[in-house]
N, C-alpha and C. Protein backbone atom coordinates (compact mmCIF):
# COMPACT_ATOMS: atom_id res chain seq x y z
N UNK A 1 -38.35 21.33 -36.27
CA UNK A 1 -38.51 21.46 -34.92
C UNK A 1 -37.16 22.25 -34.26
N UNK A 2 -36.07 21.89 -34.68
CA UNK A 2 -34.89 22.51 -34.15
C UNK A 2 -34.92 24.03 -34.47
N UNK A 3 -35.23 24.40 -35.62
CA UNK A 3 -35.26 25.82 -36.09
C UNK A 3 -36.33 26.49 -35.26
N UNK A 4 -37.40 25.95 -35.15
CA UNK A 4 -38.56 26.57 -34.37
C UNK A 4 -38.15 26.78 -33.01
N UNK A 5 -37.56 25.74 -32.39
CA UNK A 5 -37.09 25.82 -31.01
C UNK A 5 -36.07 26.95 -30.79
N UNK A 6 -35.14 26.99 -31.64
CA UNK A 6 -34.02 27.98 -31.55
C UNK A 6 -34.71 29.33 -31.61
N UNK A 7 -35.62 29.64 -32.47
CA UNK A 7 -36.32 30.98 -32.55
C UNK A 7 -37.01 31.17 -31.34
N UNK A 8 -37.86 30.19 -30.89
CA UNK A 8 -38.76 30.45 -29.70
C UNK A 8 -37.96 30.58 -28.38
N UNK A 9 -36.89 29.76 -28.30
CA UNK A 9 -36.11 29.92 -27.09
C UNK A 9 -35.56 31.30 -26.87
N UNK A 10 -35.14 31.82 -28.06
CA UNK A 10 -34.46 33.21 -27.91
C UNK A 10 -35.48 34.21 -27.59
N UNK A 11 -36.84 33.97 -27.72
CA UNK A 11 -37.85 34.86 -27.42
C UNK A 11 -38.33 34.68 -25.93
N UNK A 12 -38.03 33.67 -25.27
CA UNK A 12 -38.43 33.45 -23.93
C UNK A 12 -37.93 34.62 -23.04
N UNK A 13 -38.86 35.07 -22.08
CA UNK A 13 -38.48 36.04 -21.09
C UNK A 13 -37.75 35.34 -19.95
N UNK A 14 -37.24 36.06 -18.99
CA UNK A 14 -36.45 35.46 -17.98
C UNK A 14 -37.24 34.52 -17.06
N UNK A 15 -38.44 34.81 -16.75
CA UNK A 15 -39.32 33.87 -15.93
C UNK A 15 -39.58 32.56 -16.82
N UNK A 16 -39.92 32.65 -18.02
CA UNK A 16 -40.16 31.47 -18.86
C UNK A 16 -38.80 30.65 -19.01
N UNK A 17 -37.59 31.31 -19.03
CA UNK A 17 -36.38 30.51 -19.13
C UNK A 17 -36.05 29.84 -17.80
N UNK A 18 -36.46 30.37 -16.76
CA UNK A 18 -36.30 29.62 -15.42
C UNK A 18 -37.05 28.37 -15.46
N UNK A 19 -38.36 28.51 -15.72
CA UNK A 19 -39.32 27.44 -15.72
C UNK A 19 -38.78 26.40 -16.81
N UNK A 20 -38.45 26.80 -18.05
CA UNK A 20 -37.97 25.96 -19.16
C UNK A 20 -36.79 25.12 -18.66
N UNK A 21 -35.78 25.80 -18.10
CA UNK A 21 -34.57 25.15 -17.69
C UNK A 21 -34.88 24.06 -16.56
N UNK A 22 -35.73 24.45 -15.70
CA UNK A 22 -36.08 23.56 -14.50
C UNK A 22 -36.76 22.35 -15.11
N UNK A 23 -37.73 22.52 -15.82
CA UNK A 23 -38.54 21.42 -16.40
C UNK A 23 -37.58 20.45 -17.28
N UNK A 24 -36.80 21.19 -18.21
CA UNK A 24 -35.92 20.36 -19.07
C UNK A 24 -34.84 19.64 -18.25
N UNK A 25 -34.34 20.25 -17.18
CA UNK A 25 -33.29 19.57 -16.36
C UNK A 25 -33.93 18.35 -15.62
N UNK A 26 -35.21 18.35 -15.19
CA UNK A 26 -35.86 17.27 -14.59
C UNK A 26 -36.09 16.11 -15.57
N UNK A 27 -36.43 16.50 -16.71
CA UNK A 27 -36.65 15.48 -17.84
C UNK A 27 -35.43 14.80 -18.13
N UNK A 28 -34.28 15.59 -18.33
CA UNK A 28 -32.94 14.94 -18.57
C UNK A 28 -32.49 14.00 -17.46
N UNK A 29 -32.73 14.33 -16.28
CA UNK A 29 -32.34 13.56 -15.19
C UNK A 29 -33.32 12.44 -14.85
N UNK A 30 -34.39 12.49 -15.68
CA UNK A 30 -35.45 11.44 -15.35
C UNK A 30 -36.04 11.41 -13.99
N UNK A 31 -36.05 12.60 -13.44
CA UNK A 31 -36.61 12.81 -12.00
C UNK A 31 -38.09 12.63 -11.85
N UNK A 32 -38.79 12.87 -12.96
CA UNK A 32 -40.28 12.78 -12.94
C UNK A 32 -40.71 14.05 -12.21
N UNK A 33 -41.97 14.20 -11.97
CA UNK A 33 -42.46 15.30 -11.18
C UNK A 33 -43.65 15.87 -11.82
N UNK A 34 -44.38 16.76 -11.12
CA UNK A 34 -45.42 17.50 -11.60
C UNK A 34 -45.18 18.94 -11.51
N UNK A 35 -45.33 19.63 -12.55
CA UNK A 35 -45.02 21.11 -12.58
C UNK A 35 -46.25 21.87 -12.92
N UNK A 36 -46.59 22.81 -12.06
CA UNK A 36 -47.84 23.54 -12.27
C UNK A 36 -47.44 24.98 -12.52
N UNK A 37 -47.71 25.38 -13.87
CA UNK A 37 -47.42 26.68 -14.36
C UNK A 37 -48.65 27.49 -14.47
N UNK A 38 -48.70 28.50 -13.59
CA UNK A 38 -49.97 29.37 -13.61
C UNK A 38 -49.58 30.84 -13.69
N UNK A 39 -50.38 31.54 -14.42
CA UNK A 39 -50.28 32.93 -14.48
C UNK A 39 -51.59 33.32 -15.25
N UNK A 40 -51.80 34.63 -15.41
CA UNK A 40 -52.96 35.09 -16.13
C UNK A 40 -52.86 34.77 -17.59
N UNK A 41 -54.07 34.93 -18.24
CA UNK A 41 -54.04 34.59 -19.67
C UNK A 41 -53.21 35.58 -20.47
N UNK A 42 -52.38 35.19 -21.39
CA UNK A 42 -51.67 36.06 -22.28
C UNK A 42 -50.29 36.30 -21.87
N UNK A 43 -49.73 35.48 -20.79
CA UNK A 43 -48.43 35.78 -20.28
C UNK A 43 -47.44 34.90 -20.86
N UNK A 44 -47.87 33.96 -21.80
CA UNK A 44 -46.79 33.11 -22.46
C UNK A 44 -46.76 31.64 -22.01
N UNK A 45 -47.62 31.20 -21.33
CA UNK A 45 -47.67 29.78 -20.85
C UNK A 45 -47.66 28.81 -22.08
N UNK A 46 -48.49 29.06 -22.97
CA UNK A 46 -48.58 28.22 -24.20
C UNK A 46 -47.32 28.36 -25.00
N UNK A 47 -46.83 29.49 -25.14
CA UNK A 47 -45.57 29.67 -25.81
C UNK A 47 -44.41 28.88 -25.19
N UNK A 48 -44.33 28.88 -23.86
CA UNK A 48 -43.33 27.98 -23.08
C UNK A 48 -43.55 26.56 -23.47
N UNK A 49 -44.84 25.98 -23.40
CA UNK A 49 -45.04 24.60 -23.70
C UNK A 49 -44.70 24.26 -25.12
N UNK A 50 -45.04 25.26 -26.00
CA UNK A 50 -44.67 24.94 -27.42
C UNK A 50 -43.17 24.95 -27.71
N UNK A 51 -42.40 25.78 -26.99
CA UNK A 51 -41.03 25.72 -27.04
C UNK A 51 -40.42 24.42 -26.50
N UNK A 52 -40.91 23.93 -25.31
CA UNK A 52 -40.50 22.65 -24.81
C UNK A 52 -40.82 21.52 -25.75
N UNK A 53 -41.95 21.49 -26.27
CA UNK A 53 -42.42 20.53 -27.21
C UNK A 53 -41.47 20.40 -28.35
N UNK A 54 -41.06 21.51 -29.01
CA UNK A 54 -40.22 21.61 -30.11
C UNK A 54 -38.91 21.02 -29.69
N UNK A 55 -38.34 21.36 -28.62
CA UNK A 55 -36.97 20.91 -28.15
C UNK A 55 -36.94 19.40 -27.99
N UNK A 56 -37.93 18.86 -27.27
CA UNK A 56 -38.03 17.42 -26.96
C UNK A 56 -38.29 16.62 -28.24
N UNK A 57 -39.12 17.03 -29.08
CA UNK A 57 -39.44 16.38 -30.34
C UNK A 57 -38.22 16.39 -31.26
N UNK A 58 -37.55 17.56 -31.25
CA UNK A 58 -36.24 17.59 -32.09
C UNK A 58 -35.13 16.63 -31.63
N UNK A 59 -35.32 16.20 -30.39
CA UNK A 59 -34.41 15.17 -29.84
C UNK A 59 -35.08 13.78 -29.83
N UNK A 60 -36.14 13.59 -30.56
CA UNK A 60 -36.82 12.37 -30.77
C UNK A 60 -37.37 11.83 -29.32
N UNK A 61 -37.80 12.72 -28.49
CA UNK A 61 -38.45 12.38 -27.25
C UNK A 61 -39.92 12.53 -27.50
N UNK A 62 -40.67 11.82 -26.58
CA UNK A 62 -42.14 11.72 -26.75
C UNK A 62 -42.73 12.85 -25.83
N UNK A 63 -43.48 13.66 -26.37
CA UNK A 63 -44.33 14.67 -25.73
C UNK A 63 -45.88 14.46 -25.94
N UNK A 64 -46.64 14.45 -24.96
CA UNK A 64 -48.13 14.44 -24.98
C UNK A 64 -48.79 15.68 -24.57
N UNK A 65 -49.04 16.54 -25.57
CA UNK A 65 -49.61 17.76 -25.12
C UNK A 65 -51.22 17.51 -24.99
N UNK A 66 -51.76 17.50 -23.76
CA UNK A 66 -53.01 17.22 -23.54
C UNK A 66 -53.74 18.44 -22.90
N UNK A 67 -54.92 18.77 -23.31
CA UNK A 67 -55.67 19.83 -22.68
C UNK A 67 -57.00 19.37 -22.29
N UNK A 68 -57.66 20.24 -21.40
CA UNK A 68 -58.89 19.87 -20.94
C UNK A 68 -60.10 20.30 -21.85
N UNK A 69 -59.70 21.12 -22.82
CA UNK A 69 -60.77 21.56 -23.81
C UNK A 69 -60.18 21.56 -25.15
N UNK A 70 -60.99 21.57 -26.21
CA UNK A 70 -60.44 21.47 -27.49
C UNK A 70 -59.84 22.87 -27.95
N UNK A 71 -60.36 24.01 -27.44
CA UNK A 71 -59.71 25.28 -27.78
C UNK A 71 -58.21 25.27 -27.32
N UNK A 72 -58.00 24.82 -26.11
CA UNK A 72 -56.60 24.81 -25.64
C UNK A 72 -55.79 23.82 -26.44
N UNK A 73 -56.26 22.70 -26.73
CA UNK A 73 -55.56 21.66 -27.44
C UNK A 73 -55.11 22.22 -28.87
N UNK A 74 -55.81 23.08 -29.40
CA UNK A 74 -55.52 23.67 -30.76
C UNK A 74 -54.17 24.43 -30.71
N UNK A 75 -53.84 25.07 -29.51
CA UNK A 75 -52.70 25.85 -29.53
C UNK A 75 -51.35 25.11 -29.10
N UNK A 76 -51.56 23.75 -28.84
CA UNK A 76 -50.33 22.99 -28.49
C UNK A 76 -50.06 22.06 -29.68
N UNK A 77 -48.83 22.05 -30.17
CA UNK A 77 -48.37 21.27 -31.26
C UNK A 77 -48.68 19.77 -31.11
N UNK A 78 -49.65 19.30 -31.97
CA UNK A 78 -50.08 17.85 -31.80
C UNK A 78 -50.96 17.69 -30.66
N UNK A 79 -51.55 18.77 -30.15
CA UNK A 79 -52.34 18.70 -28.99
C UNK A 79 -53.70 17.98 -29.10
N UNK A 80 -54.12 17.35 -28.11
CA UNK A 80 -55.49 16.71 -28.14
C UNK A 80 -56.11 16.88 -26.71
N UNK A 81 -57.33 16.60 -26.74
CA UNK A 81 -57.97 16.71 -25.36
C UNK A 81 -57.72 15.33 -24.69
N UNK A 82 -57.76 15.45 -23.28
CA UNK A 82 -57.51 14.22 -22.53
C UNK A 82 -58.59 13.26 -22.81
N UNK A 83 -59.93 13.66 -23.20
CA UNK A 83 -60.88 12.73 -23.51
C UNK A 83 -60.54 11.94 -24.86
N UNK A 84 -59.98 12.71 -25.75
CA UNK A 84 -59.64 12.09 -27.06
C UNK A 84 -58.51 11.18 -26.83
N UNK A 85 -57.43 11.67 -26.24
CA UNK A 85 -56.18 10.88 -26.15
C UNK A 85 -56.38 9.49 -25.38
N UNK A 86 -57.18 9.60 -24.25
CA UNK A 86 -57.28 8.44 -23.40
C UNK A 86 -58.60 7.77 -23.42
N UNK A 87 -59.39 8.12 -24.38
CA UNK A 87 -60.78 7.56 -24.58
C UNK A 87 -61.64 7.69 -23.23
N UNK A 88 -61.66 8.89 -22.67
CA UNK A 88 -62.39 9.14 -21.47
C UNK A 88 -63.84 9.57 -22.01
N UNK A 89 -64.84 8.96 -21.43
CA UNK A 89 -66.24 9.30 -21.93
C UNK A 89 -66.44 10.89 -21.52
N UNK A 90 -67.20 11.57 -22.31
CA UNK A 90 -67.51 12.87 -22.10
C UNK A 90 -68.58 13.04 -20.97
N UNK A 91 -69.48 12.23 -20.88
CA UNK A 91 -70.49 12.23 -19.84
C UNK A 91 -70.01 11.13 -18.74
N UNK A 92 -69.71 11.56 -17.59
CA UNK A 92 -69.20 10.72 -16.63
C UNK A 92 -70.37 10.45 -15.56
N UNK A 93 -70.59 9.11 -15.25
CA UNK A 93 -71.45 8.79 -14.30
C UNK A 93 -70.91 7.36 -13.69
N UNK A 94 -71.70 6.82 -12.76
CA UNK A 94 -71.27 5.62 -12.05
C UNK A 94 -71.16 4.39 -12.97
N UNK A 95 -71.72 4.48 -14.23
CA UNK A 95 -71.62 3.31 -15.11
C UNK A 95 -70.49 3.51 -16.13
N UNK A 96 -69.81 4.54 -16.19
CA UNK A 96 -68.86 4.67 -17.30
C UNK A 96 -67.44 4.24 -16.81
N UNK A 97 -66.53 3.99 -17.72
CA UNK A 97 -65.21 3.63 -17.46
C UNK A 97 -64.34 3.89 -18.65
N UNK A 98 -63.10 3.99 -18.42
CA UNK A 98 -62.05 4.21 -19.41
C UNK A 98 -61.56 2.85 -19.77
N UNK A 99 -61.57 2.56 -21.16
CA UNK A 99 -61.21 1.28 -21.64
C UNK A 99 -59.84 1.36 -22.19
N UNK A 100 -58.92 1.29 -21.14
CA UNK A 100 -57.50 1.08 -21.42
C UNK A 100 -56.98 -0.40 -21.07
N UNK A 101 -56.76 -1.16 -22.06
CA UNK A 101 -56.33 -2.48 -21.86
C UNK A 101 -54.86 -2.69 -21.64
N UNK A 102 -54.43 -3.47 -20.62
CA UNK A 102 -53.11 -3.71 -20.35
C UNK A 102 -52.35 -4.20 -21.66
N UNK A 103 -51.14 -3.66 -21.87
CA UNK A 103 -50.41 -4.24 -23.05
C UNK A 103 -50.61 -3.59 -24.28
N UNK A 104 -51.69 -2.61 -24.40
CA UNK A 104 -51.90 -1.92 -25.70
C UNK A 104 -51.01 -0.70 -25.76
N UNK A 105 -50.89 -0.17 -27.01
CA UNK A 105 -49.96 1.01 -27.18
C UNK A 105 -50.37 2.08 -26.36
N UNK A 106 -51.76 2.39 -26.30
CA UNK A 106 -52.21 3.57 -25.50
C UNK A 106 -52.05 3.40 -23.96
N UNK A 107 -52.06 2.14 -23.56
CA UNK A 107 -51.81 2.08 -22.10
C UNK A 107 -50.41 2.14 -21.67
N UNK A 108 -49.49 1.87 -22.59
CA UNK A 108 -48.11 1.93 -22.29
C UNK A 108 -47.47 3.33 -22.72
N UNK A 109 -48.21 4.11 -23.46
CA UNK A 109 -47.72 5.34 -23.86
C UNK A 109 -47.23 6.21 -22.75
N UNK A 110 -47.95 6.47 -21.68
CA UNK A 110 -47.49 7.33 -20.63
C UNK A 110 -46.10 6.90 -19.98
N UNK A 111 -45.88 5.61 -19.99
CA UNK A 111 -44.54 5.08 -19.44
C UNK A 111 -43.40 5.43 -20.30
N UNK A 112 -43.67 5.55 -21.60
CA UNK A 112 -42.52 5.85 -22.52
C UNK A 112 -42.49 7.40 -22.77
N UNK A 113 -43.31 8.11 -22.25
CA UNK A 113 -43.34 9.63 -22.53
C UNK A 113 -42.45 10.37 -21.64
N UNK A 114 -41.82 11.31 -22.26
CA UNK A 114 -40.86 12.19 -21.54
C UNK A 114 -41.50 13.30 -20.92
N UNK A 115 -42.66 13.88 -21.50
CA UNK A 115 -43.34 14.99 -20.91
C UNK A 115 -44.82 14.87 -21.25
N UNK A 116 -45.65 15.01 -20.32
CA UNK A 116 -47.10 15.20 -20.53
C UNK A 116 -47.53 16.56 -20.10
N UNK A 117 -48.06 17.37 -21.00
CA UNK A 117 -48.44 18.70 -20.72
C UNK A 117 -49.90 18.74 -20.50
């Protein structure tokens, strides 16, 4: 992970470095927050997230790369869909619910996580 991070970090453009530094600084200070990174397709958003994942995991921090669709999840290291990670039903109606029981590993995971993408 350290080697991949080092290579990827050296390839970040100036805009990506600003976002990377800002997010990483907030993670280190445990500020929390929501960061919305938007641009057109092919501009390097996934590469930015991959670089952050490698850095945090190389420091033994917990990262949950979660995507809304399976195609997006494929491009994130260890990525899964939100439906898969949190057992959200695919078909939502008034009778469905998410079965996250208090005290289970999956219910406590977001509290121990350093970054959720």
